[in-house]
Amino acid sequence: MRLPVNQYLPLAALIVLAGCAGGGQAGAALQLAQPQNGPAADYPVVVGDAFTIGDRTWTPSDQLNYDAVGHASVGTDDHAGITAANKTLPLPSYAEVTSLDTGRTILVRVERRGPMVNDTLIELSKDAARHLGMAAGSRLAVRLRRTNPPEQERAMLRGGEPAPDRMETPEPLLKVLRRKLAEQSPLVAPTSKPPAAPQETPSPSPSMLEPQKLPAPPTASAKPPEAEHVPKDSLIVQVAAFSTEASATKVAKPLGGFVSKPDKYWLVRLGPFANGAQAAPALEKARAAGYRDARIQRAD
């Protein structure tokens, strides 16, 4: 097995080669840079070379829309903080880890290469595993999705503190993710494609599990719904904000969404939905279209 040169090596470690005086020989010394505070600690971002584990070749890449399912393990080394190891994500990078058992989602800082086995997607530090609800030595089915959190949350993770939990993944989407994992060969690299929404109701309870149809896209003869026509106790998917109505309408039309202007900006939204289970497929649709910061929220 050929390992990447930076396996489990802290990003701050620098290899310094110096010639030995009078002997003509070179010696290698490991010199640790002073720890950085602030955004500069996330740079430079290291991708690294391809490496092999058994008969599998893994090629790290700076893939912004990375979204995969697999299994998580708990590290045995003393890596502090809410951190993780992954085979292909850039170092460092940030990702959401979702338990496919409970739907709980946490944010981790990926800063090591690994785990060095083909059938495990991510290795969590002990602190990260406890935060997700994993016991030491256990193995858990998870979803791993790269994200771009705000600096405040990055700073919390760099300081060894957990960031606020994400919204729990609803059960209909968990069923889709579990099915995707069951159909995936454990020795094949994840496709990193967002999961498709369910095509049929997985349960006899359509009021809870069947995705609600999205509003028809705006046309010249049909005015899109306005914010005041959305029930206050319903949920919407907030896709993006724009400074002009034309830009917002251009994005809303292919998504089947609507445009509203509650304040300074024109907002692209999907919905309304009665509950989180109905809103989840629309959220995945928005994120699959490239709007990774889309989120579910209460209607204004």
C-alpha atoms as a PDB file:
ATOM      1  CA  MET A   1       0.000   0.000   0.000  1.00  0.00           C
ATOM      2  CA  ARG A   2       1.412   3.343  -1.070  1.00  0.00           C
ATOM      3  CA  LEU A   3       0.342   6.082   1.320  1.00  0.00           C
ATOM      4  CA  PRO A   4       0.149   9.826   0.669  1.00  0.00           C
ATOM      5  CA  VAL A   5       3.063  11.700   2.127  1.00  0.00           C
ATOM      6  CA  ASN A   6       0.817  13.778   4.382  1.00  0.00           C
ATOM      7  CA  GLN A   7      -1.153  10.935   5.977  1.00  0.00           C
ATOM      8  CA  TYR A   8      -2.241  12.061   9.446  1.00  0.00           C
ATOM      9  CA  LEU A   9       0.335  14.880   9.355  1.00  0.00           C
ATOM     10  CA  PRO A  10      -0.818  18.207  10.819  1.00  0.00           C
ATOM     11  CA  LEU A  11      -1.030  20.909   8.194  1.00  0.00           C
ATOM     12  CA  ALA A  12       1.320  23.127  10.183  1.00  0.00           C
ATOM     13  CA  ALA A  13       4.184  20.595   9.949  1.00  0.00           C
ATOM     14  CA  LEU A  14       6.951  21.602   7.546  1.00  0.00           C
ATOM     15  CA  ILE A  15       9.803  19.342   6.410  1.00  0.00           C
ATOM     16  CA  VAL A  16      13.051  21.272   6.403  1.00  0.00           C
ATOM     17  CA  LEU A  17      16.123  19.795   4.696  1.00  0.00           C
ATOM     18  CA  ALA A  18      19.479  21.166   5.828  1.00  0.00           C
ATOM     19  CA  GLY A  19      23.013  20.219   4.910  1.00  0.00           C
ATOM     20  CA  CYS A  20      25.270  19.079   7.696  1.00  0.00           C
ATOM     21  CA  ALA A  21      28.369  21.238   7.923  1.00  0.00           C
ATOM     22  CA  GLY A  22      31.579  19.531   6.819  1.00  0.00           C
ATOM     23  CA  GLY A  23      29.980  16.139   6.163  1.00  0.00           C
ATOM     24  CA  GLY A  24      28.277  16.786   2.831  1.00  0.00           C
ATOM     25  CA  GLN A  25      25.232  14.837   4.033  1.00  0.00           C
ATOM     26  CA  ALA A  26      21.644  16.079   4.217  1.00  0.00           C
ATOM     27  CA  GLY A  27      19.537  15.585   7.312  1.00  0.00           C
ATOM     28  CA  ALA A  28      15.767  15.934   7.678  1.00  0.00           C
ATOM     29  CA  ALA A  29      14.188  17.727  10.615  1.00  0.00           C
ATOM     30  CA  LEU A  30      10.490  18.161  11.400  1.00  0.00           C
ATOM     31  CA  GLN A  31       9.767  21.758  12.331  1.00  0.00           C
ATOM     32  CA  LEU A  32       6.307  22.768  13.572  1.00  0.00           C
ATOM     33  CA  ALA A  33       5.136  26.239  12.605  1.00  0.00           C
ATOM     34  CA  GLN A  34       3.478  28.349  15.260  1.00  0.00           C
ATOM     35  CA  PRO A  35      -0.287  27.717  15.314  1.00  0.00           C
ATOM     36  CA  GLN A  36      -2.274  30.376  13.462  1.00  0.00           C
ATOM     37  CA  ASN A  37      -5.446  32.042  14.592  1.00  0.00           C
ATOM     38  CA  GLY A  38      -7.919  33.538  12.177  1.00  0.00           C
ATOM     39  CA  PRO A  39      -8.757  32.804   8.533  1.00  0.00           C
ATOM     40  CA  ALA A  40      -5.081  32.463   7.558  1.00  0.00           C
ATOM     41  CA  ALA A  41      -5.043  29.111   9.374  1.00  0.00           C
ATOM     42  CA  ASP A  42      -7.154  27.622   6.561  1.00  0.00           C
ATOM     43  CA  TYR A  43      -4.470  28.359   3.947  1.00  0.00           C
ATOM     44  CA  PRO A  44      -2.705  27.073   2.009  1.00  0.00           C
ATOM     45  CA  VAL A  45      -5.204  24.379   1.008  1.00  0.00           C
ATOM     46  CA  VAL A  46      -3.441  21.101   0.164  1.00  0.00           C
ATOM     47  CA  VAL A  47      -4.890  18.662  -2.366  1.00  0.00           C
ATOM     48  CA  GLY A  48      -2.045  16.169  -2.744  1.00  0.00           C
ATOM     49  CA  ASP A  49      -1.178  13.338  -5.111  1.00  0.00           C
ATOM     50  CA  ALA A  50      -3.087  10.158  -5.903  1.00  0.00           C
ATOM     51  CA  PHE A  51      -2.339   7.145  -3.709  1.00  0.00           C
ATOM     52  CA  THR A  52      -3.300   3.491  -3.518  1.00  0.00           C
ATOM     53  CA  ILE A  53      -4.898   1.289  -0.877  1.00  0.00           C
ATOM     54  CA  GLY A  54      -4.794  -2.339  -1.954  1.00  0.00           C
ATOM     55  CA  ASP A  55      -5.983  -2.364  -5.567  1.00  0.00           C
ATOM     56  CA  ARG A  56      -7.822   0.981  -5.326  1.00  0.00           C
ATOM     57  CA  THR A  57      -6.424   4.337  -6.413  1.00  0.00           C
ATOM     58  CA  TRP A  58      -7.719   7.462  -4.696  1.00  0.00           C
ATOM     59  CA  THR A  59      -7.215  10.860  -6.304  1.00  0.00           C
ATOM     60  CA  PRO A  60      -7.686  13.926  -4.056  1.00  0.00           C
ATOM     61  CA  SER A  61      -9.456  16.853  -5.722  1.00  0.00           C
ATOM     62  CA  ASP A  62     -10.847  20.261  -4.842  1.00  0.00           C
ATOM     63  CA  GLN A  63     -14.456  19.241  -5.517  1.00  0.00           C
ATOM     64  CA  LEU A  64     -16.859  21.906  -4.284  1.00  0.00           C
ATOM     65  CA  ASN A  65     -20.058  19.852  -4.615  1.00  0.00           C
ATOM     66  CA  TYR A  66     -18.729  16.723  -2.894  1.00  0.00           C
ATOM     67  CA  ASP A  67     -21.717  14.767  -1.546  1.00  0.00           C
ATOM     68  CA  ALA A  68     -21.334  11.072  -0.710  1.00  0.00           C
ATOM     69  CA  VAL A  69     -22.587   8.293   1.542  1.00  0.00           C
ATOM     70  CA  GLY A  70     -20.468   5.685   3.282  1.00  0.00           C
ATOM     71  CA  HIS A  71     -19.336   4.599   6.725  1.00  0.00           C
ATOM     72  CA  ALA A  72     -17.570   6.505   9.469  1.00  0.00           C
ATOM     73  CA  SER A  73     -15.122   5.110  11.991  1.00  0.00           C
ATOM     74  CA  VAL A  74     -13.639   6.570  15.162  1.00  0.00           C
ATOM     75  CA  GLY A  75      -9.925   7.353  15.229  1.00  0.00           C
ATOM     76  CA  THR A  76      -7.669   5.810  17.846  1.00  0.00           C
ATOM     77  CA  ASP A  77      -5.050   8.587  17.776  1.00  0.00           C
ATOM     78  CA  ASP A  78      -5.255  11.625  20.030  1.00  0.00           C
ATOM     79  CA  HIS A  79      -6.471  14.122  17.445  1.00  0.00           C
ATOM     80  CA  ALA A  80      -8.179  16.891  19.374  1.00  0.00           C
ATOM     81  CA  GLY A  81     -11.212  18.900  18.350  1.00  0.00           C
ATOM     82  CA  ILE A  82     -14.071  18.257  15.951  1.00  0.00           C
ATOM     83  CA  THR A  83     -11.852  17.029  13.126  1.00  0.00           C
ATOM     84  CA  ALA A  84     -11.829  14.237  10.566  1.00  0.00           C
ATOM     85  CA  ALA A  85      -9.771  12.339   7.998  1.00  0.00           C
ATOM     86  CA  ASN A  86     -10.877  11.777   4.399  1.00  0.00           C
ATOM     87  CA  LYS A  87      -9.157  10.329   1.335  1.00  0.00           C
ATOM     88  CA  THR A  88      -9.938  12.968  -1.288  1.00  0.00           C
ATOM     89  CA  LEU A  89     -11.205  16.251   0.201  1.00  0.00           C
ATOM     90  CA  PRO A  90      -8.736  19.172   0.329  1.00  0.00           C
ATOM     91  CA  LEU A  91      -6.870  19.800   3.580  1.00  0.00           C
ATOM     92  CA  PRO A  92      -8.216  21.684   5.343  1.00  0.00           C
ATOM     93  CA  SER A  93     -11.846  21.777   4.282  1.00  0.00           C
ATOM     94  CA  TYR A  94     -15.192  21.744   6.054  1.00  0.00           C
ATOM     95  CA  ALA A  95     -17.965  19.190   5.739  1.00  0.00           C
ATOM     96  CA  GLU A  96     -21.288  18.207   7.238  1.00  0.00           C
ATOM     97  CA  VAL A  97     -21.507  14.659   8.601  1.00  0.00           C
ATOM     98  CA  THR A  98     -25.026  13.239   8.960  1.00  0.00           C
ATOM     99  CA  SER A  99     -25.850  10.074  10.881  1.00  0.00           C
ATOM    100  CA  LEU A 100     -28.136   7.940   8.703  1.00  0.00           C
ATOM    101  CA  ASP A 101     -29.488   6.386  11.903  1.00  0.00           C
ATOM    102  CA  THR A 102     -30.701   9.543  13.626  1.00  0.00           C
ATOM    103  CA  GLY A 103     -30.489  12.346  11.057  1.00  0.00           C
ATOM    104  CA  ARG A 104     -28.219  14.364  13.348  1.00  0.00           C
ATOM    105  CA  THR A 105     -25.771  16.539  11.408  1.00  0.00           C
ATOM    106  CA  ILE A 106     -22.565  18.134  12.651  1.00  0.00           C
ATOM    107  CA  LEU A 107     -19.868  20.279  11.056  1.00  0.00           C
ATOM    108  CA  VAL A 108     -16.282  18.952  11.039  1.00  0.00           C
ATOM    109  CA  ARG A 109     -12.909  20.258   9.884  1.00  0.00           C
ATOM    110  CA  VAL A 110     -11.211  17.778   7.525  1.00  0.00           C
ATOM    111  CA  GLU A 111      -7.489  18.083   8.128  1.00  0.00           C
ATOM    112  CA  ARG A 112      -5.971  14.601   7.664  1.00  0.00           C
ATOM    113  CA  ARG A 113      -5.695  11.927   4.980  1.00  0.00           C
ATOM    114  CA  GLY A 114      -7.382   8.644   5.762  1.00  0.00           C
ATOM    115  CA  PRO A 115      -8.781   6.291   6.838  1.00  0.00           C
ATOM    116  CA  MET A 116      -6.431   3.914   5.055  1.00  0.00           C
ATOM    117  CA  VAL A 117      -9.058   1.242   4.337  1.00  0.00           C
ATOM    118  CA  ASN A 118     -11.231   1.192   1.226  1.00  0.00           C
ATOM    119  CA  ASP A 119     -14.588   0.527   2.848  1.00  0.00           C
ATOM    120  CA  THR A 120     -14.625   3.557   5.196  1.00  0.00           C
ATOM    121  CA  LEU A 121     -15.500   7.030   3.938  1.00  0.00           C
ATOM    122  CA  ILE A 122     -14.380   9.168   6.888  1.00  0.00           C
ATOM    123  CA  GLU A 123     -12.603   8.795  10.212  1.00  0.00           C
ATOM    124  CA  LEU A 124     -13.809  11.090  12.978  1.00  0.00           C
ATOM    125  CA  SER A 125     -11.722  12.265  15.889  1.00  0.00           C
ATOM    126  CA  LYS A 126     -12.924  11.060  19.283  1.00  0.00           C
ATOM    127  CA  ASP A 127     -14.399  14.482  20.041  1.00  0.00           C
ATOM    128  CA  ALA A 128     -16.239  14.596  16.714  1.00  0.00           C
ATOM    129  CA  ALA A 129     -17.550  11.055  17.193  1.00  0.00           C
ATOM    130  CA  ARG A 130     -18.928  11.912  20.634  1.00  0.00           C
ATOM    131  CA  HIS A 131     -20.546  15.040  19.212  1.00  0.00           C
ATOM    132  CA  LEU A 132     -22.304  12.935  16.545  1.00  0.00           C
ATOM    133  CA  GLY A 133     -23.311  10.268  19.077  1.00  0.00           C
ATOM    134  CA  MET A 134     -20.817   7.542  18.068  1.00  0.00           C
ATOM    135  CA  ALA A 135     -19.170   5.304  20.622  1.00  0.00           C
ATOM    136  CA  ALA A 136     -15.448   4.529  20.463  1.00  0.00           C
ATOM    137  CA  GLY A 137     -14.737   1.568  18.201  1.00  0.00           C
ATOM    138  CA  SER A 138     -18.120   1.785  16.482  1.00  0.00           C
ATOM    139  CA  ARG A 139     -18.975   2.175  12.808  1.00  0.00           C
ATOM    140  CA  LEU A 140     -21.801   4.339  11.485  1.00  0.00           C
ATOM    141  CA  ALA A 141     -23.532   4.900   8.139  1.00  0.00           C
ATOM    142  CA  VAL A 142     -23.183   8.594   7.266  1.00  0.00           C
ATOM    143  CA  ARG A 143     -23.610  11.219   4.610  1.00  0.00           C
ATOM    144  CA  LEU A 144     -20.573  13.464   3.999  1.00  0.00           C
ATOM    145  CA  ARG A 145     -21.208  16.790   2.256  1.00  0.00           C
ATOM    146  CA  ARG A 146     -18.625  19.496   1.733  1.00  0.00           C
ATOM    147  CA  THR A 147     -19.790  22.942   2.766  1.00  0.00           C
ATOM    148  CA  ASN A 148     -18.518  26.494   3.145  1.00  0.00           C
ATOM    149  CA  PRO A 149     -19.423  27.624   6.682  1.00  0.00           C
ATOM    150  CA  PRO A 150     -19.141  31.210   7.892  1.00  0.00           C
ATOM    151  CA  GLU A 151     -15.876  32.333   9.489  1.00  0.00           C
ATOM    152  CA  GLN A 152     -17.400  32.313  12.977  1.00  0.00           C
ATOM    153  CA  GLU A 153     -18.051  28.556  12.736  1.00  0.00           C
ATOM    154  CA  ARG A 154     -14.645  27.905  11.144  1.00  0.00           C
ATOM    155  CA  ALA A 155     -13.014  29.712  14.064  1.00  0.00           C
ATOM    156  CA  MET A 156     -14.922  27.553  16.567  1.00  0.00           C
ATOM    157  CA  LEU A 157     -13.673  24.356  14.916  1.00  0.00           C
ATOM    158  CA  ARG A 158     -10.111  25.644  14.629  1.00  0.00           C
ATOM    159  CA  GLY A 159     -10.267  26.391  18.362  1.00  0.00           C
ATOM    160  CA  GLY A 160     -11.388  22.855  19.187  1.00  0.00           C
ATOM    161  CA  GLU A 161     -15.016  23.791  19.904  1.00  0.00           C
ATOM    162  CA  PRO A 162     -18.055  22.289  18.149  1.00  0.00           C
ATOM    163  CA  ALA A 163     -20.031  24.485  15.781  1.00  0.00           C
ATOM    164  CA  PRO A 164     -23.814  24.686  16.222  1.00  0.00           C
ATOM    165  CA  ASP A 165     -25.636  21.568  15.008  1.00  0.00           C
ATOM    166  CA  ARG A 166     -27.264  21.654  11.602  1.00  0.00           C
ATOM    167  CA  MET A 167     -30.961  21.020  11.015  1.00  0.00           C
ATOM    168  CA  GLU A 168     -31.702  17.307  11.405  1.00  0.00           C
ATOM    169  CA  THR A 169     -32.243  15.444   8.143  1.00  0.00           C
ATOM    170  CA  PRO A 170     -35.886  14.326   7.775  1.00  0.00           C
ATOM    171  CA  GLU A 171     -36.732  10.624   7.624  1.00  0.00           C
ATOM    172  CA  PRO A 172     -37.818  10.542   3.925  1.00  0.00           C
ATOM    173  CA  LEU A 173     -34.423  11.830   2.823  1.00  0.00           C
ATOM    174  CA  LEU A 174     -32.649   9.450   5.229  1.00  0.00           C
ATOM    175  CA  LYS A 175     -34.450   6.552   3.503  1.00  0.00           C
ATOM    176  CA  VAL A 176     -33.148   7.751   0.137  1.00  0.00           C
ATOM    177  CA  LEU A 177     -29.602   8.002   1.508  1.00  0.00           C
ATOM    178  CA  ARG A 178     -29.773   4.544   3.123  1.00  0.00           C
ATOM    179  CA  ARG A 179     -30.968   3.029  -0.142  1.00  0.00           C
ATOM    180  CA  LYS A 180     -28.149   4.759  -2.026  1.00  0.00           C
ATOM    181  CA  LEU A 181     -25.616   3.336   0.448  1.00  0.00           C
ATOM    182  CA  ALA A 182     -27.095  -0.174   0.200  1.00  0.00           C
ATOM    183  CA  GLU A 183     -26.765  -0.113  -3.596  1.00  0.00           C
ATOM    184  CA  GLN A 184     -23.195   1.213  -3.518  1.00  0.00           C
ATOM    185  CA  SER A 185     -20.222  -1.120  -3.712  1.00  0.00           C
ATOM    186  CA  PRO A 186     -18.027  -0.574  -0.627  1.00  0.00           C
ATOM    187  CA  LEU A 187     -14.808  -0.689  -2.683  1.00  0.00           C
ATOM    188  CA  VAL A 188     -15.895   1.847  -5.294  1.00  0.00           C
ATOM    189  CA  ALA A 189     -15.114   5.512  -4.789  1.00  0.00           C
ATOM    190  CA  PRO A 190     -18.310   7.467  -3.973  1.00  0.00           C
ATOM    191  CA  THR A 191     -19.840   9.287  -6.939  1.00  0.00           C
ATOM    192  CA  SER A 192     -20.219  12.458  -4.850  1.00  0.00           C
ATOM    193  CA  LYS A 193     -23.550  13.272  -6.460  1.00  0.00           C
ATOM    194  CA  PRO A 194     -26.437  14.666  -4.399  1.00  0.00           C
ATOM    195  CA  PRO A 195     -29.130  12.033  -3.786  1.00  0.00           C
ATOM    196  CA  ALA A 196     -32.279  12.149  -5.877  1.00  0.00           C
ATOM    197  CA  ALA A 197     -35.578  12.894  -4.191  1.00  0.00           C
ATOM    198  CA  PRO A 198     -37.969   9.946  -3.675  1.00  0.00           C
ATOM    199  CA  GLN A 199     -40.051   9.194  -6.769  1.00  0.00           C
ATOM    200  CA  GLU A 200     -42.874   7.613  -4.843  1.00  0.00           C
ATOM    201  CA  THR A 201     -44.320   7.736  -1.364  1.00  0.00           C
ATOM    202  CA  PRO A 202     -42.240   5.304   0.774  1.00  0.00           C
ATOM    203  CA  SER A 203     -44.938   4.993   3.406  1.00  0.00           C
ATOM    204  CA  PRO A 204     -48.755   4.752   3.579  1.00  0.00           C
ATOM    205  CA  SER A 205     -48.800   8.252   5.134  1.00  0.00           C
ATOM    206  CA  PRO A 206     -48.825  10.631   2.137  1.00  0.00           C
ATOM    207  CA  SER A 207     -49.451  13.664   4.336  1.00  0.00           C
ATOM    208  CA  MET A 208     -46.042  13.154   5.950  1.00  0.00           C
ATOM    209  CA  LEU A 209     -43.871  11.606   3.240  1.00  0.00           C
ATOM    210  CA  GLU A 210     -45.076  12.574  -0.252  1.00  0.00           C
ATOM    211  CA  PRO A 211     -43.176  15.642  -1.533  1.00  0.00           C
ATOM    212  CA  GLN A 212     -45.471  18.586  -2.134  1.00  0.00           C
ATOM    213  CA  LYS A 213     -45.585  19.826  -5.708  1.00  0.00           C
ATOM    214  CA  LEU A 214     -43.713  23.043  -6.244  1.00  0.00           C
ATOM    215  CA  PRO A 215     -45.546  26.128  -7.531  1.00  0.00           C
ATOM    216  CA  ALA A 216     -45.601  26.571 -11.317  1.00  0.00           C
ATOM    217  CA  PRO A 217     -42.804  28.802 -12.617  1.00  0.00           C
ATOM    218  CA  PRO A 218     -43.809  32.414 -13.289  1.00  0.00           C
ATOM    219  CA  THR A 219     -45.007  33.226 -16.791  1.00  0.00           C
ATOM    220  CA  ALA A 220     -46.160  36.369 -18.540  1.00  0.00           C
ATOM    221  CA  SER A 221     -49.793  35.527 -17.769  1.00  0.00           C
ATOM    222  CA  ALA A 222     -49.319  34.036 -14.312  1.00  0.00           C
ATOM    223  CA  LYS A 223     -47.963  36.203 -11.538  1.00  0.00           C
ATOM    224  CA  PRO A 224     -45.697  34.332  -9.042  1.00  0.00           C
ATOM    225  CA  PRO A 225     -47.015  34.081  -5.482  1.00  0.00           C
ATOM    226  CA  GLU A 226     -46.129  36.970  -3.226  1.00  0.00           C
ATOM    227  CA  ALA A 227     -44.867  36.702   0.348  1.00  0.00           C
ATOM    228  CA  GLU A 228     -48.199  37.807   1.816  1.00  0.00           C
ATOM    229  CA  HIS A 229     -49.915  34.808   0.171  1.00  0.00           C
ATOM    230  CA  VAL A 230     -47.645  32.320   1.960  1.00  0.00           C
ATOM    231  CA  PRO A 231     -49.135  31.067   5.265  1.00  0.00           C
ATOM    232  CA  LYS A 232     -47.136  32.350   8.217  1.00  0.00           C
ATOM    233  CA  ASP A 233     -46.902  28.939   9.876  1.00  0.00           C
ATOM    234  CA  SER A 234     -45.580  27.177   6.755  1.00  0.00           C
ATOM    235  CA  LEU A 235     -42.018  26.425   5.651  1.00  0.00           C
ATOM    236  CA  ILE A 236     -40.181  27.664   2.571  1.00  0.00           C
ATOM    237  CA  VAL A 237     -36.803  26.880   1.017  1.00  0.00           C
ATOM    238  CA  GLN A 238     -34.714  30.057   0.823  1.00  0.00           C
ATOM    239  CA  VAL A 239     -32.555  29.607  -2.302  1.00  0.00           C
ATOM    240  CA  ALA A 240     -30.701  32.884  -2.902  1.00  0.00           C
ATOM    241  CA  ALA A 241     -30.906  36.687  -2.685  1.00  0.00           C
ATOM    242  CA  PHE A 242     -30.408  39.185  -5.531  1.00  0.00           C
ATOM    243  CA  SER A 243     -30.241  42.937  -5.874  1.00  0.00           C
ATOM    244  CA  THR A 244     -32.508  42.991  -8.965  1.00  0.00           C
ATOM    245  CA  GLU A 245     -35.853  41.383  -9.698  1.00  0.00           C
ATOM    246  CA  ALA A 246     -34.734  40.239 -13.154  1.00  0.00           C
ATOM    247  CA  SER A 247     -31.845  38.197 -11.749  1.00  0.00           C
ATOM    248  CA  ALA A 248     -34.056  36.597  -9.108  1.00  0.00           C
ATOM    249  CA  THR A 249     -36.770  35.703 -11.632  1.00  0.00           C
ATOM    250  CA  LYS A 250     -34.198  34.121 -13.940  1.00  0.00           C
ATOM    251  CA  VAL A 251     -33.138  31.753 -11.136  1.00  0.00           C
ATOM    252  CA  ALA A 252     -36.645  31.081  -9.823  1.00  0.00           C
ATOM    253  CA  LYS A 253     -38.159  30.027 -13.155  1.00  0.00           C
ATOM    254  CA  PRO A 254     -36.227  26.748 -13.786  1.00  0.00           C
ATOM    255  CA  LEU A 255     -36.555  25.778 -10.121  1.00  0.00           C
ATOM    256  CA  GLY A 256     -40.309  26.306 -10.098  1.00  0.00           C
ATOM    257  CA  GLY A 257     -39.951  28.863  -7.325  1.00  0.00           C
ATOM    258  CA  PHE A 258     -41.235  32.345  -6.667  1.00  0.00           C
ATOM    259  CA  VAL A 259     -39.725  35.752  -5.970  1.00  0.00           C
ATOM    260  CA  SER A 260     -40.493  38.022  -3.043  1.00  0.00           C
ATOM    261  CA  LYS A 261     -38.976  41.250  -1.669  1.00  0.00           C
ATOM    262  CA  PRO A 262     -39.587  41.479   2.093  1.00  0.00           C
ATOM    263  CA  ASP A 263     -36.738  43.932   2.565  1.00  0.00           C
ATOM    264  CA  LYS A 264     -33.768  45.196   0.570  1.00  0.00           C
ATOM    265  CA  TYR A 265     -33.179  42.142  -1.632  1.00  0.00           C
ATOM    266  CA  TRP A 266     -35.212  40.047  -4.047  1.00  0.00           C
ATOM    267  CA  LEU A 267     -35.436  36.500  -2.642  1.00  0.00           C
ATOM    268  CA  VAL A 268     -35.857  33.257  -4.592  1.00  0.00           C
ATOM    269  CA  ARG A 269     -37.956  30.780  -2.610  1.00  0.00           C
ATOM    270  CA  LEU A 270     -39.583  27.380  -3.045  1.00  0.00           C
ATOM    271  CA  GLY A 271     -42.782  26.336  -1.336  1.00  0.00           C
ATOM    272  CA  PRO A 272     -44.747  26.773   0.788  1.00  0.00           C
ATOM    273  CA  PHE A 273     -44.576  23.406   2.600  1.00  0.00           C
ATOM    274  CA  ALA A 274     -46.504  22.090   5.567  1.00  0.00           C
ATOM    275  CA  ASN A 275     -43.507  20.404   7.251  1.00  0.00           C
ATOM    276  CA  GLY A 276     -39.815  19.573   6.941  1.00  0.00           C
ATOM    277  CA  ALA A 277     -40.473  16.221   5.249  1.00  0.00           C
ATOM    278  CA  GLN A 278     -42.215  17.959   2.363  1.00  0.00           C
ATOM    279  CA  ALA A 279     -39.566  20.698   2.129  1.00  0.00           C
ATOM    280  CA  ALA A 280     -36.563  18.321   2.066  1.00  0.00           C
ATOM    281  CA  PRO A 281     -36.797  17.306  -1.634  1.00  0.00           C
ATOM    282  CA  ALA A 282     -37.048  20.974  -2.666  1.00  0.00           C
ATOM    283  CA  LEU A 283     -33.959  21.763  -0.579  1.00  0.00           C
ATOM    284  CA  GLU A 284     -32.029  18.987  -2.332  1.00  0.00           C
ATOM    285  CA  LYS A 285     -33.238  20.290  -5.711  1.00  0.00           C
ATOM    286  CA  ALA A 286     -31.923  23.767  -4.943  1.00  0.00           C
ATOM    287  CA  ARG A 287     -28.569  22.467  -3.696  1.00  0.00           C
ATOM    288  CA  ALA A 288     -28.206  20.133  -6.680  1.00  0.00           C
ATOM    289  CA  ALA A 289     -28.680  23.193  -8.918  1.00  0.00           C
ATOM    290  CA  GLY A 290     -25.629  24.758  -7.291  1.00  0.00           C
ATOM    291  CA  TYR A 291     -27.184  26.826  -4.496  1.00  0.00           C
ATOM    292  CA  ARG A 292     -25.322  25.112  -1.659  1.00  0.00           C
ATOM    293  CA  ASP A 293     -26.391  27.690   0.950  1.00  0.00           C
ATOM    294  CA  ALA A 294     -30.096  27.040   0.399  1.00  0.00           C
ATOM    295  CA  ARG A 295     -31.935  26.318   3.639  1.00  0.00           C
ATOM    296  CA  ILE A 296     -35.352  25.531   5.089  1.00  0.00           C
ATOM    297  CA  GLN A 297     -36.904  28.261   7.213  1.00  0.00           C
ATOM    298  CA  ARG A 298     -40.217  29.565   8.483  1.00  0.00           C
ATOM    299  CA  ALA A 299     -42.128  31.840   6.112  1.00  0.00           C
ATOM    300  CA  ASP A 300     -41.712  35.500   6.945  1.00  0.00           C
END
